[in-house]
PDB file of all heavy atoms in Angstrom:
ATOM      1  N   ALA A   1     164.969 180.154 184.759  1.00  0.00           N
ATOM      2  CA  ALA A   1     165.203 181.132 185.819  1.00  0.00           C
ATOM      3  C   ALA A   1     165.938 182.342 185.263  1.00  0.00           C
ATOM      4  O   ALA A   1     166.591 182.273 184.216  1.00  0.00           O
ATOM      5  CB  ALA A   1     166.012 180.505 186.953  1.00  0.00           C
ATOM      6  N   ARG A   2     165.818 183.456 185.987  1.00  0.00           N
ATOM      7  CA  ARG A   2     166.570 184.668 185.663  1.00  0.00           C
ATOM      8  C   ARG A   2     167.634 184.887 186.730  1.00  0.00           C
ATOM      9  O   ARG A   2     167.370 184.720 187.936  1.00  0.00           O
ATOM     10  CB  ARG A   2     165.653 185.883 185.597  1.00  0.00           C
ATOM     11  CG  ARG A   2     166.373 187.178 185.182  1.00  0.00           C
ATOM     12  CD  ARG A   2     165.476 188.386 185.325  1.00  0.00           C
ATOM     13  NE  ARG A   2     164.307 188.293 184.482  1.00  0.00           N
ATOM     14  CZ  ARG A   2     164.275 188.673 183.203  1.00  0.00           C
ATOM     15  NH1 ARG A   2     165.376 189.159 182.638  1.00  0.00           N
ATOM     16  NH2 ARG A   2     163.167 188.566 182.504  1.00  0.00           N
ATOM     17  N   MET A   3     168.835 185.221 186.301  1.00  0.00           N
ATOM     18  CA  MET A   3     169.917 185.548 187.226  1.00  0.00           C
ATOM     19  C   MET A   3     169.764 187.002 187.667  1.00  0.00           C
ATOM     20  O   MET A   3     169.788 187.909 186.824  1.00  0.00           O
ATOM     21  CB  MET A   3     171.269 185.332 186.553  1.00  0.00           C
ATOM     22  CG  MET A   3     171.568 183.885 186.221  1.00  0.00           C
ATOM     23  SD  MET A   3     173.099 183.690 185.265  1.00  0.00           S
ATOM     24  CE  MET A   3     172.467 183.898 183.590  1.00  0.00           C
ATOM     25  N   HIS A   4     169.591 187.213 188.963  1.00  0.00           N
ATOM     26  CA  HIS A   4     169.343 188.569 189.460  1.00  0.00           C
ATOM     27  C   HIS A   4     169.880 188.711 190.881  1.00  0.00           C
ATOM     28  O   HIS A   4     169.500 187.972 191.780  1.00  0.00           O
ATOM     29  CB  HIS A   4     167.839 188.865 189.442  1.00  0.00           C
ATOM     30  CG  HIS A   4     167.484 190.260 189.871  1.00  0.00           C
ATOM     31  ND1 HIS A   4     167.772 191.370 189.099  1.00  0.00           N
ATOM     32  CD2 HIS A   4     166.889 190.719 190.998  1.00  0.00           C
ATOM     33  CE1 HIS A   4     167.362 192.454 189.725  1.00  0.00           C
ATOM     34  NE2 HIS A   4     166.813 192.089 190.879  1.00  0.00           N
ATOM     35  N   LEU A   5     170.803 189.641 191.061  1.00  0.00           N
ATOM     36  CA  LEU A   5     171.349 189.980 192.380  1.00  0.00           C
ATOM     37  C   LEU A   5     171.841 188.740 193.134  1.00  0.00           C
ATOM     38  O   LEU A   5     171.553 188.559 194.321  1.00  0.00           O
ATOM     39  CB  LEU A   5     170.307 190.735 193.217  1.00  0.00           C
ATOM     40  CG  LEU A   5     169.842 192.076 192.632  1.00  0.00           C
ATOM     41  CD1 LEU A   5     168.771 192.702 193.536  1.00  0.00           C
ATOM     42  CD2 LEU A   5     171.015 193.030 192.479  1.00  0.00           C
ATOM     43  N   GLY A   6     172.569 187.890 192.439  1.00  0.00           N
ATOM     44  CA  GLY A   6     173.179 186.737 193.082  1.00  0.00           C
ATOM     45  C   GLY A   6     172.246 185.583 193.353  1.00  0.00           C
ATOM     46  O   GLY A   6     172.633 184.619 194.023  1.00  0.00           O
ATOM     47  N   GLN A   7     171.021 185.636 192.811  1.00  0.00           N
ATOM     48  CA  GLN A   7     170.049 184.565 193.017  1.00  0.00           C
ATOM     49  C   GLN A   7     169.409 184.173 191.693  1.00  0.00           C
ATOM     50  O   GLN A   7     169.352 184.971 190.754  1.00  0.00           O
ATOM     51  CB  GLN A   7     168.943 185.006 193.985  1.00  0.00           C
ATOM     52  CG  GLN A   7     169.395 185.226 195.411  1.00  0.00           C
ATOM     53  CD  GLN A   7     168.223 185.590 196.302  1.00  0.00           C
ATOM     54  OE1 GLN A   7     167.329 186.326 195.908  1.00  0.00           O
ATOM     55  NE2 GLN A   7     168.217 185.048 197.512  1.00  0.00           N
ATOM     56  N   LEU A   8     168.927 182.932 191.630  1.00  0.00           N
ATOM     57  CA  LEU A   8     168.100 182.490 190.521  1.00  0.00           C
ATOM     58  C   LEU A   8     166.637 182.684 190.900  1.00  0.00           C
ATOM     59  O   LEU A   8     166.181 182.180 191.934  1.00  0.00           O
ATOM     60  CB  LEU A   8     168.359 181.016 190.203  1.00  0.00           C
ATOM     61  CG  LEU A   8     169.733 180.664 189.624  1.00  0.00           C
ATOM     62  CD1 LEU A   8     169.815 179.177 189.365  1.00  0.00           C
ATOM     63  CD2 LEU A   8     170.021 181.449 188.348  1.00  0.00           C
ATOM     64  N   ARG A   9     165.924 183.403 190.050  1.00  0.00           N
ATOM     65  CA  ARG A   9     164.518 183.677 190.306  1.00  0.00           C
ATOM     66  C   ARG A   9     163.672 182.942 189.275  1.00  0.00           C
ATOM     67  O   ARG A   9     163.891 183.058 188.069  1.00  0.00           O
ATOM     68  CB  ARG A   9     164.244 185.177 190.254  1.00  0.00           C
ATOM     69  CG  ARG A   9     165.008 185.933 191.343  1.00  0.00           C
ATOM     70  CD  ARG A   9     164.537 187.360 191.481  1.00  0.00           C
ATOM     71  NE  ARG A   9     165.177 188.016 192.612  1.00  0.00           N
ATOM     72  CZ  ARG A   9     164.942 189.271 192.982  1.00  0.00           C
ATOM     73  NH1 ARG A   9     164.070 190.007 192.286  1.00  0.00           N
ATOM     74  NH2 ARG A   9     165.548 189.791 194.026  1.00  0.00           N
ATOM     75  N   LEU A  10     162.709 182.190 189.752  1.00  0.00           N
ATOM     76  CA  LEU A  10     161.896 181.334 188.896  1.00  0.00           C
ATOM     77  C   LEU A  10     161.050 182.160 187.937  1.00  0.00           C
ATOM     78  O   LEU A  10     160.365 183.097 188.336  1.00  0.00           O
ATOM     79  CB  LEU A  10     160.982 180.444 189.747  1.00  0.00           C
ATOM     80  CG  LEU A  10     160.031 179.510 188.974  1.00  0.00           C
ATOM     81  CD1 LEU A  10     160.821 178.468 188.214  1.00  0.00           C
ATOM     82  CD2 LEU A  10     159.047 178.848 189.938  1.00  0.00           C
ATOM     83  N   LEU A  11     161.103 181.792 186.653  1.00  0.00           N
ATOM     84  CA  LEU A  11     160.197 182.343 185.657  1.00  0.00           C
ATOM     85  C   LEU A  11     159.080 181.355 185.346  1.00  0.00           C
ATOM     86  O   LEU A  11     157.907 181.711 185.326  1.00  0.00           O
ATOM     87  CB  LEU A  11     160.956 182.701 184.387  1.00  0.00           C
ATOM     88  CG  LEU A  11     161.958 183.862 184.497  1.00  0.00           C
ATOM     89  CD1 LEU A  11     162.638 184.105 183.169  1.00  0.00           C
ATOM     90  CD2 LEU A  11     161.263 185.128 184.994  1.00  0.00           C
ATOM     91  N   ARG A  12     159.474 180.083 185.109  1.00  0.00           N
ATOM     92  CA  ARG A  12     158.467 179.066 184.832  1.00  0.00           C
ATOM     93  C   ARG A  12     159.131 177.699 184.805  1.00  0.00           C
ATOM     94  O   ARG A  12     160.309 177.586 184.454  1.00  0.00           O
ATOM     95  CB  ARG A  12     157.785 179.334 183.487  1.00  0.00           C
ATOM     96  CG  ARG A  12     156.603 178.419 183.182  1.00  0.00           C
ATOM     97  CD  ARG A  12     155.884 178.868 181.934  1.00  0.00           C
ATOM     98  NE  ARG A  12     154.925 177.872 181.474  1.00  0.00           N
ATOM     99  CZ  ARG A  12     154.203 177.970 180.366  1.00  0.00           C
ATOM    100  NH1 ARG A  12     154.316 179.048 179.602  1.00  0.00           N
ATOM    101  NH2 ARG A  12     153.362 177.018 180.017  1.00  0.00           N
ATOM    102  N   ALA A  13     158.400 176.691 185.190  1.00  0.00           N
ATOM    103  CA  ALA A  13     158.874 175.311 185.107  1.00  0.00           C
ATOM    104  C   ALA A  13     158.086 174.579 184.018  1.00  0.00           C
ATOM    105  O   ALA A  13     156.880 174.821 183.827  1.00  0.00           O
ATOM    106  CB  ALA A  13     158.706 174.595 186.439  1.00  0.00           C
ATOM    107  N   PHE A  14     158.772 173.700 183.295  1.00  0.00           N
ATOM    108  CA  PHE A  14     158.170 172.940 182.215  1.00  0.00           C
ATOM    109  C   PHE A  14     158.430 171.456 182.445  1.00  0.00           C
ATOM    110  O   PHE A  14     159.327 171.070 183.190  1.00  0.00           O
ATOM    111  CB  PHE A  14     158.768 173.338 180.857  1.00  0.00           C
ATOM    112  CG  PHE A  14     158.690 174.798 180.540  1.00  0.00           C
ATOM    113  CD1 PHE A  14     159.698 175.670 180.940  1.00  0.00           C
ATOM    114  CD2 PHE A  14     157.611 175.306 179.831  1.00  0.00           C
ATOM    115  CE1 PHE A  14     159.631 177.026 180.631  1.00  0.00           C
ATOM    116  CE2 PHE A  14     157.537 176.662 179.521  1.00  0.00           C
ATOM    117  CZ  PHE A  14     158.552 177.515 179.922  1.00  0.00           C
ATOM    118  N   ASP A  15     157.661 170.619 181.752  1.00  0.00           N
ATOM    119  CA  ASP A  15     157.884 169.175 181.714  1.00  0.00           C
ATOM    120  C   ASP A  15     158.346 168.828 180.303  1.00  0.00           C
ATOM    121  O   ASP A  15     157.656 169.135 179.324  1.00  0.00           O
ATOM    122  CB  ASP A  15     156.613 168.414 182.070  1.00  0.00           C
ATOM    123  CG  ASP A  15     156.848 166.919 182.215  1.00  0.00           C
ATOM    124  OD1 ASP A  15     157.258 166.275 181.220  1.00  0.00           O
ATOM    125  OD2 ASP A  15     156.630 166.389 183.323  1.00  0.00           O
ATOM    126  N   ALA A  16     159.528 168.207 180.177  1.00  0.00           N
ATOM    127  CA  ALA A  16     160.090 167.909 178.856  1.00  0.00           C
ATOM    128  C   ALA A  16     159.175 167.025 178.029  1.00  0.00           C
ATOM    129  O   ALA A  16     159.104 167.156 176.804  1.00  0.00           O
ATOM    130  CB  ALA A  16     161.461 167.250 179.006  1.00  0.00           C
ATOM    131  N   ARG A  17     158.428 166.128 178.675  1.00  0.00           N
ATOM    132  CA  ARG A  17     157.539 165.234 177.933  1.00  0.00           C
ATOM    133  C   ARG A  17     156.397 166.014 177.281  1.00  0.00           C
ATOM    134  O   ARG A  17     155.982 165.716 176.163  1.00  0.00           O
ATOM    135  CB  ARG A  17     156.993 164.155 178.874  1.00  0.00           C
ATOM    136  CG  ARG A  17     158.046 163.185 179.360  1.00  0.00           C
ATOM    137  CD  ARG A  17     157.601 162.416 180.569  1.00  0.00           C
ATOM    138  NE  ARG A  17     157.418 163.300 181.726  1.00  0.00           N
ATOM    139  CZ  ARG A  17     157.231 162.874 182.975  1.00  0.00           C
ATOM    140  NH1 ARG A  17     157.205 161.568 183.220  1.00  0.00           N
ATOM    141  NH2 ARG A  17     157.065 163.727 183.972  1.00  0.00           N
ATOM    142  N   GLU A  18     155.888 167.038 177.985  1.00  0.00           N
ATOM    143  CA  GLU A  18     154.784 167.823 177.458  1.00  0.00           C
ATOM    144  C   GLU A  18     155.273 168.900 176.493  1.00  0.00           C
ATOM    145  O   GLU A  18     154.654 169.145 175.453  1.00  0.00           O
ATOM    146  CB  GLU A  18     154.019 168.466 178.614  1.00  0.00           C
ATOM    147  CG  GLU A  18     153.404 167.473 179.578  1.00  0.00           C
ATOM    148  CD  GLU A  18     152.806 168.140 180.801  1.00  0.00           C
ATOM    149  OE1 GLU A  18     152.901 169.394 180.889  1.00  0.00           O
ATOM    150  OE2 GLU A  18     152.256 167.437 181.664  1.00  0.00           O
ATOM    151  N   THR A  19     156.404 169.545 176.826  1.00  0.00           N
ATOM    152  CA  THR A  19     156.880 170.689 176.052  1.00  0.00           C
ATOM    153  C   THR A  19     157.630 170.272 174.800  1.00  0.00           C
ATOM    154  O   THR A  19     157.490 170.892 173.740  1.00  0.00           O
ATOM    155  CB  THR A  19     157.792 171.571 176.919  1.00  0.00           C
ATOM    156  OG1 THR A  19     157.116 171.890 178.134  1.00  0.00           O
ATOM    157  CG2 THR A  19     158.176 172.847 176.195  1.00  0.00           C
ATOM    158  N   LEU A  20     158.464 169.227 174.918  1.00  0.00           N
ATOM    159  CA  LEU A  20     159.327 168.815 173.814  1.00  0.00           C
ATOM    160  C   LEU A  20     158.960 167.474 173.211  1.00  0.00           C
ATOM    161  O   LEU A  20     159.480 167.102 172.166  1.00  0.00           O
ATOM    162  CB  LEU A  20     160.786 168.764 174.295  1.00  0.00           C
ATOM    163  CG  LEU A  20     161.331 170.050 174.919  1.00  0.00           C
ATOM    164  CD1 LEU A  20     162.749 169.825 175.410  1.00  0.00           C
ATOM    165  CD2 LEU A  20     161.279 171.200 173.927  1.00  0.00           C
ATOM    166  N   GLY A  21     158.102 166.718 173.893  1.00  0.00           N
ATOM    167  CA  GLY A  21     157.725 165.400 173.396  1.00  0.00           C
ATOM    168  C   GLY A  21     158.805 164.358 173.575  1.00  0.00           C
ATOM    169  O   GLY A  21     158.829 163.355 172.849  1.00  0.00           O
ATOM    170  N   VAL A  22     159.707 164.564 174.539  1.00  0.00           N
ATOM    171  CA  VAL A  22     160.762 163.596 174.816  1.00  0.00           C
ATOM    172  C   VAL A  22     160.765 163.274 176.307  1.00  0.00           C
ATOM    173  O   VAL A  22     160.405 164.107 177.147  1.00  0.00           O
ATOM    174  CB  VAL A  22     162.155 164.128 174.401  1.00  0.00           C
ATOM    175  CG1 VAL A  22     162.216 164.359 172.914  1.00  0.00           C
ATOM    176  CG2 VAL A  22     162.513 165.409 175.166  1.00  0.00           C
ATOM    177  N   ASP A  23     161.153 162.065 176.627  1.00  0.00           N
ATOM    178  CA  ASP A  23     161.293 161.620 178.014  1.00  0.00           C
ATOM    179  C   ASP A  23     162.775 161.592 178.338  1.00  0.00           C
ATOM    180  O   ASP A  23     163.510 160.721 177.852  1.00  0.00           O
ATOM    181  CB  ASP A  23     160.662 160.240 178.198  1.00  0.00           C
ATOM    182  CG  ASP A  23     160.682 159.765 179.640  1.00  0.00           C
ATOM    183  OD1 ASP A  23     161.372 160.392 180.483  1.00  0.00           O
ATOM    184  OD2 ASP A  23     160.002 158.759 179.935  1.00  0.00           O
ATOM    185  N   LEU A  24     163.235 162.540 179.131  1.00  0.00           N
ATOM    186  CA  LEU A  24     164.666 162.657 179.402  1.00  0.00           C
ATOM    187  C   LEU A  24     165.207 161.487 180.223  1.00  0.00           C
ATOM    188  O   LEU A  24     166.413 161.265 180.251  1.00  0.00           O
ATOM    189  CB  LEU A  24     164.963 163.980 180.124  1.00  0.00           C
ATOM    190  CG  LEU A  24     164.670 165.250 179.321  1.00  0.00           C
ATOM    191  CD1 LEU A  24     165.061 166.483 180.127  1.00  0.00           C
ATOM    192  CD2 LEU A  24     165.388 165.231 177.979  1.00  0.00           C
ATOM    193  N   SER A  25     164.319 160.733 180.867  1.00  0.00           N
ATOM    194  CA  SER A  25     164.790 159.565 181.611  1.00  0.00           C
ATOM    195  C   SER A  25     165.204 158.430 180.673  1.00  0.00           C
ATOM    196  O   SER A  25     165.873 157.493 181.089  1.00  0.00           O
ATOM    197  CB  SER A  25     163.705 159.069 182.572  1.00  0.00           C
ATOM    198  OG  SER A  25     162.591 158.542 181.866  1.00  0.00           O
ATOM    199  N   LYS A  26     164.838 158.544 179.381  1.00  0.00           N
ATOM    200  CA  LYS A  26     165.165 157.513 178.402  1.00  0.00           C
ATOM    201  C   LYS A  26     166.039 158.050 177.275  1.00  0.00           C
ATOM    202  O   LYS A  26     166.242 157.361 176.269  1.00  0.00           O
ATOM    203  CB  LYS A  26     163.875 156.924 177.820  1.00  0.00           C
ATOM    204  CG  LYS A  26     162.966 156.287 178.855  1.00  0.00           C
ATOM    205  CD  LYS A  26     161.677 155.800 178.225  1.00  0.00           C
ATOM    206  CE  LYS A  26     160.752 155.193 179.268  1.00  0.00           C
ATOM    207  NZ  LYS A  26     159.456 154.744 178.678  1.00  0.00           N
ATOM    208  N   ALA A  27     166.535 159.274 177.420  1.00  0.00           N
ATOM    209  CA  ALA A  27     167.287 159.924 176.347  1.00  0.00           C
ATOM    210  C   ALA A  27     168.643 160.384 176.855  1.00  0.00           C
ATOM    211  O   ALA A  27     168.894 160.467 178.055  1.00  0.00           O
ATOM    212  CB  ALA A  27     166.497 161.117 175.801  1.00  0.00           C
ATOM    213  N   TRP A  28     169.535 160.681 175.890  1.00  0.00           N
ATOM    214  CA  TRP A  28     170.803 161.340 176.226  1.00  0.00           C
ATOM    215  C   TRP A  28     170.604 162.833 176.035  1.00  0.00           C
ATOM    216  O   TRP A  28     169.962 163.279 175.079  1.00  0.00           O
ATOM    217  CB  TRP A  28     171.911 160.849 175.296  1.00  0.00           C
ATOM    218  CG  TRP A  28     173.209 161.583 175.525  1.00  0.00           C
ATOM    219  CD1 TRP A  28     174.209 161.241 176.377  1.00  0.00           C
ATOM    220  CD2 TRP A  28     173.636 162.794 174.877  1.00  0.00           C
ATOM    221  NE1 TRP A  28     175.228 162.167 176.325  1.00  0.00           N
ATOM    222  CE2 TRP A  28     174.899 163.129 175.414  1.00  0.00           C
ATOM    223  CE3 TRP A  28     173.076 163.628 173.914  1.00  0.00           C
ATOM    224  CZ2 TRP A  28     175.614 164.263 175.006  1.00  0.00           C
ATOM    225  CZ3 TRP A  28     173.766 164.756 173.512  1.00  0.00           C
ATOM    226  CH2 TRP A  28     175.031 165.056 174.057  1.00  0.00           C
ATOM    227  N   PHE A  29     171.145 163.650 176.967  1.00  0.00           N
ATOM    228  CA  PHE A  29     171.002 165.093 176.815  1.00  0.00           C
ATOM    229  C   PHE A  29     172.174 165.813 177.470  1.00  0.00           C
ATOM    230  O   PHE A  29     172.874 165.285 178.334  1.00  0.00           O
ATOM    231  CB  PHE A  29     169.679 165.589 177.413  1.00  0.00           C
ATOM    232  CG  PHE A  29     169.523 165.320 178.888  1.00  0.00           C
ATOM    233  CD1 PHE A  29     169.972 166.220 179.845  1.00  0.00           C
ATOM    234  CD2 PHE A  29     168.915 164.149 179.330  1.00  0.00           C
ATOM    235  CE1 PHE A  29     169.812 165.973 181.201  1.00  0.00           C
ATOM    236  CE2 PHE A  29     168.758 163.886 180.683  1.00  0.00           C
ATOM    237  CZ  PHE A  29     169.211 164.806 181.621  1.00  0.00           C
ATOM    238  N   THR A  30     172.385 167.032 177.010  1.00  0.00           N
ATOM    239  CA  THR A  30     173.414 167.892 177.592  1.00  0.00           C
ATOM    240  C   THR A  30     173.043 169.340 177.332  1.00  0.00           C
ATOM    241  O   THR A  30     172.223 169.639 176.451  1.00  0.00           O
ATOM    242  CB  THR A  30     174.804 167.583 176.998  1.00  0.00           C
ATOM    243  OG1 THR A  30     175.805 168.253 177.753  1.00  0.00           O
ATOM    244  CG2 THR A  30     174.900 168.051 175.550  1.00  0.00           C
ATOM    245  N   GLY A  31     173.631 170.255 178.085  1.00  0.00           N
ATOM    246  CA  GLY A  31     173.519 171.670 177.805  1.00  0.00           C
ATOM    247  C   GLY A  31     174.829 172.159 177.211  1.00  0.00           C
ATOM    248  O   GLY A  31     175.907 171.824 177.705  1.00  0.00           O
ATOM    249  N   ARG A  32     174.758 172.926 176.117  1.00  0.00           N
ATOM    250  CA  ARG A  32     175.965 173.479 175.511  1.00  0.00           C
ATOM    251  C   ARG A  32     175.648 174.883 175.026  1.00  0.00           C
ATOM    252  O   ARG A  32     174.676 175.075 174.277  1.00  0.00           O
ATOM    253  CB  ARG A  32     176.461 172.602 174.362  1.00  0.00           C
ATOM    254  CG  ARG A  32     177.979 172.695 174.109  1.00  0.00           C
ATOM    255  CD  ARG A  32     178.766 172.016 175.231  1.00  0.00           C
ATOM    256  NE  ARG A  32     180.167 172.406 175.252  1.00  0.00           N
ATOM    257  CZ  ARG A  32     181.169 171.630 174.809  1.00  0.00           C
ATOM    258  NH1 ARG A  32     180.919 170.443 174.310  1.00  0.00           N
ATOM    259  NH2 ARG A  32     182.419 172.049 174.891  1.00  0.00           N
ATOM    260  N   ASN A  33     176.435 175.851 175.486  1.00  0.00           N
ATOM    261  CA  ASN A  33     176.184 177.242 175.204  1.00  0.00           C
ATOM    262  C   ASN A  33     174.759 177.607 175.634  1.00  0.00           C
ATOM    263  O   ASN A  33     174.414 177.405 176.797  1.00  0.00           O
ATOM    264  CB  ASN A  33     176.446 177.559 173.732  1.00  0.00           C
ATOM    265  CG  ASN A  33     177.923 177.484 173.382  1.00  0.00           C
ATOM    266  OD1 ASN A  33     178.740 178.199 173.950  1.00  0.00           O
ATOM    267  ND2 ASN A  33     178.268 176.605 172.450  1.00  0.00           N
ATOM    268  N   ASP A  34     173.937 178.083 174.682  1.00  0.00           N
ATOM    269  CA  ASP A  34     172.598 178.573 175.026  1.00  0.00           C
ATOM    270  C   ASP A  34     171.492 177.594 174.672  1.00  0.00           C
ATOM    271  O   ASP A  34     170.338 177.989 174.524  1.00  0.00           O
ATOM    272  CB  ASP A  34     172.338 179.912 174.332  1.00  0.00           C
ATOM    273  CG  ASP A  34     172.347 179.793 172.805  1.00  0.00           C
ATOM    274  OD1 ASP A  34     172.706 178.706 172.286  1.00  0.00           O
ATOM    275  OD2 ASP A  34     171.998 180.777 172.138  1.00  0.00           O
ATOM    276  N   SER A  35     171.823 176.288 174.550  1.00  0.00           N
ATOM    277  CA  SER A  35     170.813 175.324 174.097  1.00  0.00           C
ATOM    278  C   SER A  35     170.870 174.016 174.879  1.00  0.00           C
ATOM    279  O   SER A  35     171.933 173.605 175.364  1.00  0.00           O
ATOM    280  CB  SER A  35     171.002 175.011 172.604  1.00  0.00           C
ATOM    281  OG  SER A  35     170.793 176.158 171.811  1.00  0.00           O
ATOM    282  N   LEU A  36     169.711 173.386 174.977  1.00  0.00           N
ATOM    283  CA  LEU A  36     169.587 172.016 175.462  1.00  0.00           C
ATOM    284  C   LEU A  36     169.601 171.101 174.247  1.00  0.00           C
ATOM    285  O   LEU A  36     168.865 171.319 173.278  1.00  0.00           O
ATOM    286  CB  LEU A  36     168.276 171.843 176.225  1.00  0.00           C
ATOM    287  CG  LEU A  36     167.844 170.411 176.548  1.00  0.00           C
ATOM    288  CD1 LEU A  36     168.817 169.745 177.510  1.00  0.00           C
ATOM    289  CD2 LEU A  36     166.421 170.403 177.124  1.00  0.00           C
ATOM    290  N   HIS A  37     170.458 170.087 174.282  1.00  0.00           N
ATOM    291  CA  HIS A  37     170.546 169.110 173.195  1.00  0.00           C
ATOM    292  C   HIS A  37     170.082 167.752 173.714  1.00  0.00           C
ATOM    293  O   HIS A  37     170.519 167.309 174.791  1.00  0.00           O
ATOM    294  CB  HIS A  37     171.983 169.003 172.689  1.00  0.00           C
ATOM    295  CG  HIS A  37     172.489 170.263 172.062  1.00  0.00           C
ATOM    296  ND1 HIS A  37     172.386 170.514 170.709  1.00  0.00           N
ATOM    297  CD2 HIS A  37     173.098 171.349 172.614  1.00  0.00           C
ATOM    298  CE1 HIS A  37     172.916 171.699 170.446  1.00  0.00           C
ATOM    299  NE2 HIS A  37     173.357 172.233 171.576  1.00  0.00           N
ATOM    300  N   VAL A  38     169.203 167.109 172.935  1.00  0.00           N
ATOM    301  CA  VAL A  38     168.638 165.815 173.326  1.00  0.00           C
ATOM    302  C   VAL A  38     168.746 164.854 172.154  1.00  0.00           C
ATOM    303  O   VAL A  38     168.355 165.200 171.023  1.00  0.00           O
ATOM    304  CB  VAL A  38     167.157 165.956 173.734  1.00  0.00           C
ATOM    305  CG1 VAL A  38     166.610 164.595 174.182  1.00  0.00           C
ATOM    306  CG2 VAL A  38     166.982 166.991 174.838  1.00  0.00           C
TER     307      VAL A  38
END
């Protein structure tokens, strides 16, 4: 999403299994700074 005028505006949605090849329901993950860590 893009932050704009106090709202989040959708750019695109992805599926982690298709985009990254990982299943987040079976993995550990966190967001830190500007990255997703899995």
